[in-house]
């Protein structure tokens, strides 16, 4: 299963020396080879994956999921980022923020605070907002949310795959919906609609 939100147009762009040092496969020299290796790793890791809800609301499981998705490509896979980035929270706050998110999701589901799809999309939004890892946060969040939807008896999210849009158009819609939810946590409708389109 390919991710419709992953840009593959810059496939010939070289990998920086800093990134090269963190790569496990030594043959990767450009973005096209990197995306192919990551996609193969993700496909292998998620092929028969069907965790229960109790696993998905466990911060340790979320780290293991990231490691499974990217562990054949990146040395830092499954480890929380340790430096500031232009996205995400302060890296020292990541462990507590993820545990809080997992507890919040358990409360939403047990208390039926939201419909299952809305709980799941809110989970995704907060995962991406925390931005726990160096890279792969969007893909990790989308896969974790789709797994959670299935654990709640709902179909996986399509994340725009059913739209007749280019990758750039899909990414723009997705990022716009995320930003709306960033500004107002109650404005989750656009992200929910995109997840099911």
C-alpha atoms as a PDB file:
ATOM      1  CA  UNK A   1       0.000   0.000   0.000  1.00  0.00           C
ATOM      2  CA  UNK A   2       1.565   3.286  -1.058  1.00  0.00           C
ATOM      3  CA  UNK A   3       0.914   6.509   0.804  1.00  0.00           C
ATOM      4  CA  UNK A   4      -0.752   9.086  -1.485  1.00  0.00           C
ATOM      5  CA  UNK A   5       0.722  11.913   0.621  1.00  0.00           C
ATOM      6  CA  UNK A   6       4.387  11.002   0.167  1.00  0.00           C
ATOM      7  CA  UNK A   7       5.974  13.218  -2.495  1.00  0.00           C
ATOM      8  CA  UNK A   8       8.050  11.266  -4.962  1.00  0.00           C
ATOM      9  CA  UNK A   9       8.663  14.064  -7.462  1.00  0.00           C
ATOM     10  CA  UNK A  10      12.064  15.058  -6.065  1.00  0.00           C
ATOM     11  CA  UNK A  11      13.483  11.567  -6.480  1.00  0.00           C
ATOM     12  CA  UNK A  12      16.813  12.756  -7.851  1.00  0.00           C
ATOM     13  CA  UNK A  13      17.567  15.143  -4.985  1.00  0.00           C
ATOM     14  CA  UNK A  14      20.746  14.004  -3.214  1.00  0.00           C
ATOM     15  CA  UNK A  15      20.788  12.885   0.393  1.00  0.00           C
ATOM     16  CA  UNK A  16      22.750  15.242   2.669  1.00  0.00           C
ATOM     17  CA  UNK A  17      25.913  13.928   4.363  1.00  0.00           C
ATOM     18  CA  UNK A  18      24.243  14.235   7.798  1.00  0.00           C
ATOM     19  CA  UNK A  19      21.308  12.121   6.621  1.00  0.00           C
ATOM     20  CA  UNK A  20      23.649   9.657   4.883  1.00  0.00           C
ATOM     21  CA  UNK A  21      25.395   9.015   8.213  1.00  0.00           C
ATOM     22  CA  UNK A  22      22.061   7.955   9.768  1.00  0.00           C
ATOM     23  CA  UNK A  23      21.029   5.622   6.936  1.00  0.00           C
ATOM     24  CA  UNK A  24      21.407   1.856   7.317  1.00  0.00           C
ATOM     25  CA  UNK A  25      21.388   0.914   3.595  1.00  0.00           C
ATOM     26  CA  UNK A  26      24.602   2.223   2.065  1.00  0.00           C
ATOM     27  CA  UNK A  27      23.300   2.313  -1.525  1.00  0.00           C
ATOM     28  CA  UNK A  28      20.821   5.167  -0.947  1.00  0.00           C
ATOM     29  CA  UNK A  29      22.066   8.320  -2.673  1.00  0.00           C
ATOM     30  CA  UNK A  30      18.879  10.245  -3.539  1.00  0.00           C
ATOM     31  CA  UNK A  31      15.297  10.854  -2.398  1.00  0.00           C
ATOM     32  CA  UNK A  32      13.826   8.386  -4.878  1.00  0.00           C
ATOM     33  CA  UNK A  33      15.913   5.527  -3.457  1.00  0.00           C
ATOM     34  CA  UNK A  34      15.130   6.707   0.083  1.00  0.00           C
ATOM     35  CA  UNK A  35      11.354   6.816  -0.503  1.00  0.00           C
ATOM     36  CA  UNK A  36      11.455   3.368  -2.127  1.00  0.00           C
ATOM     37  CA  UNK A  37      13.417   1.894   0.801  1.00  0.00           C
ATOM     38  CA  UNK A  38      11.119   3.515   3.364  1.00  0.00           C
ATOM     39  CA  UNK A  39       7.999   2.355   1.533  1.00  0.00           C
ATOM     40  CA  UNK A  40       9.328  -1.218   1.315  1.00  0.00           C
ATOM     41  CA  UNK A  41      10.105  -1.147   5.050  1.00  0.00           C
ATOM     42  CA  UNK A  42       6.636   0.221   5.888  1.00  0.00           C
ATOM     43  CA  UNK A  43       4.870  -2.293   3.635  1.00  0.00           C
ATOM     44  CA  UNK A  44       6.762  -5.180   5.221  1.00  0.00           C
ATOM     45  CA  UNK A  45       6.150  -3.898   8.771  1.00  0.00           C
ATOM     46  CA  UNK A  46       2.430  -3.306   8.336  1.00  0.00           C
ATOM     47  CA  UNK A  47       1.461  -6.213   6.077  1.00  0.00           C
ATOM     48  CA  UNK A  48      -0.302  -8.313   8.722  1.00  0.00           C
ATOM     49  CA  UNK A  49      -0.424  -5.798  11.542  1.00  0.00           C
ATOM     50  CA  UNK A  50      -3.609  -5.677  13.603  1.00  0.00           C
ATOM     51  CA  UNK A  51      -2.879  -4.455  17.122  1.00  0.00           C
ATOM     52  CA  UNK A  52      -5.625  -4.132  19.673  1.00  0.00           C
ATOM     53  CA  UNK A  53      -6.745  -0.834  21.107  1.00  0.00           C
ATOM     54  CA  UNK A  54      -4.809  -1.473  24.323  1.00  0.00           C
ATOM     55  CA  UNK A  55      -1.568  -1.594  22.300  1.00  0.00           C
ATOM     56  CA  UNK A  56      -2.338   1.522  20.259  1.00  0.00           C
ATOM     57  CA  UNK A  57      -2.885   3.609  23.385  1.00  0.00           C
ATOM     58  CA  UNK A  58       0.522   2.620  24.764  1.00  0.00           C
ATOM     59  CA  UNK A  59       3.428   4.994  24.113  1.00  0.00           C
ATOM     60  CA  UNK A  60       5.877   2.057  24.105  1.00  0.00           C
ATOM     61  CA  UNK A  61       3.893   0.381  21.328  1.00  0.00           C
ATOM     62  CA  UNK A  62       3.865   3.609  19.315  1.00  0.00           C
ATOM     63  CA  UNK A  63       7.678   3.700  19.500  1.00  0.00           C
ATOM     64  CA  UNK A  64       7.884   0.046  18.437  1.00  0.00           C
ATOM     65  CA  UNK A  65       5.553   0.783  15.525  1.00  0.00           C
ATOM     66  CA  UNK A  66       7.838   3.590  14.328  1.00  0.00           C
ATOM     67  CA  UNK A  67      10.851   1.283  14.709  1.00  0.00           C
ATOM     68  CA  UNK A  68       9.109  -1.430  12.685  1.00  0.00           C
ATOM     69  CA  UNK A  69       8.177   1.070   9.966  1.00  0.00           C
ATOM     70  CA  UNK A  70      11.607   2.688   9.574  1.00  0.00           C
ATOM     71  CA  UNK A  71      14.095   0.420  11.389  1.00  0.00           C
ATOM     72  CA  UNK A  72      15.552  -1.107   8.226  1.00  0.00           C
ATOM     73  CA  UNK A  73      16.320   2.372   6.845  1.00  0.00           C
ATOM     74  CA  UNK A  74      17.188   4.784   9.692  1.00  0.00           C
ATOM     75  CA  UNK A  75      19.404   4.331  12.776  1.00  0.00           C
ATOM     76  CA  UNK A  76      17.171   6.676  14.813  1.00  0.00           C
ATOM     77  CA  UNK A  77      13.929   4.807  14.053  1.00  0.00           C
ATOM     78  CA  UNK A  78      11.764   4.319  17.135  1.00  0.00           C
ATOM     79  CA  UNK A  79      13.739   6.860  19.193  1.00  0.00           C
ATOM     80  CA  UNK A  80      12.291  10.181  20.220  1.00  0.00           C
ATOM     81  CA  UNK A  81      13.983  13.154  18.626  1.00  0.00           C
ATOM     82  CA  UNK A  82      16.428  14.984  20.879  1.00  0.00           C
ATOM     83  CA  UNK A  83      16.652  18.339  19.163  1.00  0.00           C
ATOM     84  CA  UNK A  84      14.316  21.205  18.375  1.00  0.00           C
ATOM     85  CA  UNK A  85      12.712  21.198  14.943  1.00  0.00           C
ATOM     86  CA  UNK A  86      10.455  23.648  13.146  1.00  0.00           C
ATOM     87  CA  UNK A  87       7.563  21.261  13.885  1.00  0.00           C
ATOM     88  CA  UNK A  88       6.523  19.667  17.140  1.00  0.00           C
ATOM     89  CA  UNK A  89       6.887  20.273  20.821  1.00  0.00           C
ATOM     90  CA  UNK A  90      10.035  20.658  22.908  1.00  0.00           C
ATOM     91  CA  UNK A  91      11.844  17.308  22.685  1.00  0.00           C
ATOM     92  CA  UNK A  92      12.107  17.028  26.488  1.00  0.00           C
ATOM     93  CA  UNK A  93       8.278  17.056  26.688  1.00  0.00           C
ATOM     94  CA  UNK A  94       7.709  14.238  24.169  1.00  0.00           C
ATOM     95  CA  UNK A  95       7.511  11.230  26.545  1.00  0.00           C
ATOM     96  CA  UNK A  96       4.975  12.893  28.847  1.00  0.00           C
ATOM     97  CA  UNK A  97       2.943  14.314  25.928  1.00  0.00           C
ATOM     98  CA  UNK A  98       2.631  10.866  24.335  1.00  0.00           C
ATOM     99  CA  UNK A  99       1.595   9.239  27.612  1.00  0.00           C
ATOM    100  CA  UNK A 100      -0.970  12.020  28.129  1.00  0.00           C
ATOM    101  CA  UNK A 101      -2.299  11.507  24.599  1.00  0.00           C
ATOM    102  CA  UNK A 102      -2.679   7.767  25.176  1.00  0.00           C
ATOM    103  CA  UNK A 103      -4.567   8.399  28.430  1.00  0.00           C
ATOM    104  CA  UNK A 104      -6.780  10.988  26.733  1.00  0.00           C
ATOM    105  CA  UNK A 105      -7.672   8.579  23.917  1.00  0.00           C
ATOM    106  CA  UNK A 106      -8.544   5.848  26.426  1.00  0.00           C
ATOM    107  CA  UNK A 107     -10.818   8.315  28.238  1.00  0.00           C
ATOM    108  CA  UNK A 108     -12.485   9.449  24.981  1.00  0.00           C
ATOM    109  CA  UNK A 109     -13.189   5.880  23.932  1.00  0.00           C
ATOM    110  CA  UNK A 110     -14.294   4.549  27.320  1.00  0.00           C
ATOM    111  CA  UNK A 111     -16.511   7.594  27.911  1.00  0.00           C
ATOM    112  CA  UNK A 112     -17.732   7.710  24.299  1.00  0.00           C
ATOM    113  CA  UNK A 113     -16.749  11.382  24.251  1.00  0.00           C
ATOM    114  CA  UNK A 114     -16.535  11.333  20.454  1.00  0.00           C
ATOM    115  CA  UNK A 115     -17.591   8.985  17.683  1.00  0.00           C
ATOM    116  CA  UNK A 116     -14.851   6.406  16.912  1.00  0.00           C
ATOM    117  CA  UNK A 117     -13.687   8.187  13.731  1.00  0.00           C
ATOM    118  CA  UNK A 118     -13.397  11.510  15.534  1.00  0.00           C
ATOM    119  CA  UNK A 119     -11.452   9.997  18.449  1.00  0.00           C
ATOM    120  CA  UNK A 120      -9.114   8.397  15.952  1.00  0.00           C
ATOM    121  CA  UNK A 121      -8.554  11.563  13.913  1.00  0.00           C
ATOM    122  CA  UNK A 122      -7.957  13.554  17.092  1.00  0.00           C
ATOM    123  CA  UNK A 123      -5.381  10.900  18.073  1.00  0.00           C
ATOM    124  CA  UNK A 124      -3.703  11.322  14.683  1.00  0.00           C
ATOM    125  CA  UNK A 125      -3.688  15.107  14.931  1.00  0.00           C
ATOM    126  CA  UNK A 126      -2.038  15.096  18.350  1.00  0.00           C
ATOM    127  CA  UNK A 127       0.560  12.503  17.260  1.00  0.00           C
ATOM    128  CA  UNK A 128       1.562  14.739  14.365  1.00  0.00           C
ATOM    129  CA  UNK A 129       1.466  17.836  16.550  1.00  0.00           C
ATOM    130  CA  UNK A 130       3.834  16.244  19.094  1.00  0.00           C
ATOM    131  CA  UNK A 131       6.178  15.224  16.233  1.00  0.00           C
ATOM    132  CA  UNK A 132       7.977  12.665  18.381  1.00  0.00           C
ATOM    133  CA  UNK A 133      10.479  11.387  15.815  1.00  0.00           C
ATOM    134  CA  UNK A 134      13.113  12.900  13.544  1.00  0.00           C
ATOM    135  CA  UNK A 135      11.051  11.993  10.471  1.00  0.00           C
ATOM    136  CA  UNK A 136       8.113   9.847   9.399  1.00  0.00           C
ATOM    137  CA  UNK A 137       5.682  11.398  11.879  1.00  0.00           C
ATOM    138  CA  UNK A 138       2.865  11.893   9.365  1.00  0.00           C
ATOM    139  CA  UNK A 139       3.145   8.372   7.967  1.00  0.00           C
ATOM    140  CA  UNK A 140       3.438   6.917  11.472  1.00  0.00           C
ATOM    141  CA  UNK A 141       0.402   8.916  12.603  1.00  0.00           C
ATOM    142  CA  UNK A 142      -1.693   7.951   9.586  1.00  0.00           C
ATOM    143  CA  UNK A 143      -0.890   4.259   9.989  1.00  0.00           C
ATOM    144  CA  UNK A 144      -1.489   4.342  13.755  1.00  0.00           C
ATOM    145  CA  UNK A 145      -4.840   6.096  13.185  1.00  0.00           C
ATOM    146  CA  UNK A 146      -5.899   3.618  10.507  1.00  0.00           C
ATOM    147  CA  UNK A 147      -4.968   0.745  12.828  1.00  0.00           C
ATOM    148  CA  UNK A 148      -6.977   2.368  15.607  1.00  0.00           C
ATOM    149  CA  UNK A 149      -9.987   2.806  13.322  1.00  0.00           C
ATOM    150  CA  UNK A 150      -9.872  -0.931  12.571  1.00  0.00           C
ATOM    151  CA  UNK A 151      -9.466  -1.773  16.267  1.00  0.00           C
ATOM    152  CA  UNK A 152     -12.657   0.227  16.870  1.00  0.00           C
ATOM    153  CA  UNK A 153     -14.529  -1.727  14.193  1.00  0.00           C
ATOM    154  CA  UNK A 154     -14.266   0.923  11.502  1.00  0.00           C
ATOM    155  CA  UNK A 155     -12.584   0.669   8.083  1.00  0.00           C
ATOM    156  CA  UNK A 156      -9.061   2.031   7.648  1.00  0.00           C
ATOM    157  CA  UNK A 157      -8.799   5.656   6.589  1.00  0.00           C
ATOM    158  CA  UNK A 158      -8.017   6.376   2.938  1.00  0.00           C
ATOM    159  CA  UNK A 159      -6.235   9.712   3.593  1.00  0.00           C
ATOM    160  CA  UNK A 160      -7.296  11.182   0.257  1.00  0.00           C
ATOM    161  CA  UNK A 161      -6.450   8.113  -1.840  1.00  0.00           C
ATOM    162  CA  UNK A 162      -9.979   8.121  -3.297  1.00  0.00           C
ATOM    163  CA  UNK A 163      -9.663  11.714  -4.533  1.00  0.00           C
ATOM    164  CA  UNK A 164      -8.567  12.452  -8.063  1.00  0.00           C
ATOM    165  CA  UNK A 165      -5.821  14.848  -6.916  1.00  0.00           C
ATOM    166  CA  UNK A 166      -2.078  15.030  -7.387  1.00  0.00           C
ATOM    167  CA  UNK A 167       0.199  14.269  -4.450  1.00  0.00           C
ATOM    168  CA  UNK A 168       0.865  17.999  -4.072  1.00  0.00           C
ATOM    169  CA  UNK A 169      -2.872  18.774  -3.975  1.00  0.00           C
ATOM    170  CA  UNK A 170      -3.475  16.001  -1.434  1.00  0.00           C
ATOM    171  CA  UNK A 171      -0.614  17.217   0.765  1.00  0.00           C
ATOM    172  CA  UNK A 172      -1.983  20.757   0.611  1.00  0.00           C
ATOM    173  CA  UNK A 173      -5.465  19.619   1.696  1.00  0.00           C
ATOM    174  CA  UNK A 174      -4.010  17.448   4.455  1.00  0.00           C
ATOM    175  CA  UNK A 175      -1.712  20.179   5.802  1.00  0.00           C
ATOM    176  CA  UNK A 176      -4.500  22.778   5.652  1.00  0.00           C
ATOM    177  CA  UNK A 177      -6.774  20.465   7.666  1.00  0.00           C
ATOM    178  CA  UNK A 178      -3.997  19.823  10.211  1.00  0.00           C
ATOM    179  CA  UNK A 179      -3.356  23.564  10.585  1.00  0.00           C
ATOM    180  CA  UNK A 180      -7.058  24.241  11.155  1.00  0.00           C
ATOM    181  CA  UNK A 181      -7.019  21.699  13.965  1.00  0.00           C
ATOM    182  CA  UNK A 182      -3.792  23.244  15.322  1.00  0.00           C
ATOM    183  CA  UNK A 183      -5.507  26.614  15.617  1.00  0.00           C
ATOM    184  CA  UNK A 184      -8.698  25.198  17.131  1.00  0.00           C
ATOM    185  CA  UNK A 185      -8.742  21.628  18.480  1.00  0.00           C
ATOM    186  CA  UNK A 186     -12.514  21.586  18.053  1.00  0.00           C
ATOM    187  CA  UNK A 187     -12.163  22.317  14.308  1.00  0.00           C
ATOM    188  CA  UNK A 188     -11.382  18.721  13.379  1.00  0.00           C
ATOM    189  CA  UNK A 189     -14.050  18.390  10.651  1.00  0.00           C
ATOM    190  CA  UNK A 190     -11.791  19.069   7.652  1.00  0.00           C
ATOM    191  CA  UNK A 191      -9.226  16.517   8.852  1.00  0.00           C
ATOM    192  CA  UNK A 192     -11.934  13.951   9.502  1.00  0.00           C
ATOM    193  CA  UNK A 193     -13.415  14.526   6.045  1.00  0.00           C
ATOM    194  CA  UNK A 194      -9.983  14.224   4.415  1.00  0.00           C
ATOM    195  CA  UNK A 195      -9.187  11.021   6.325  1.00  0.00           C
ATOM    196  CA  UNK A 196     -12.324   9.392   4.923  1.00  0.00           C
ATOM    197  CA  UNK A 197     -11.954  10.727   1.349  1.00  0.00           C
END
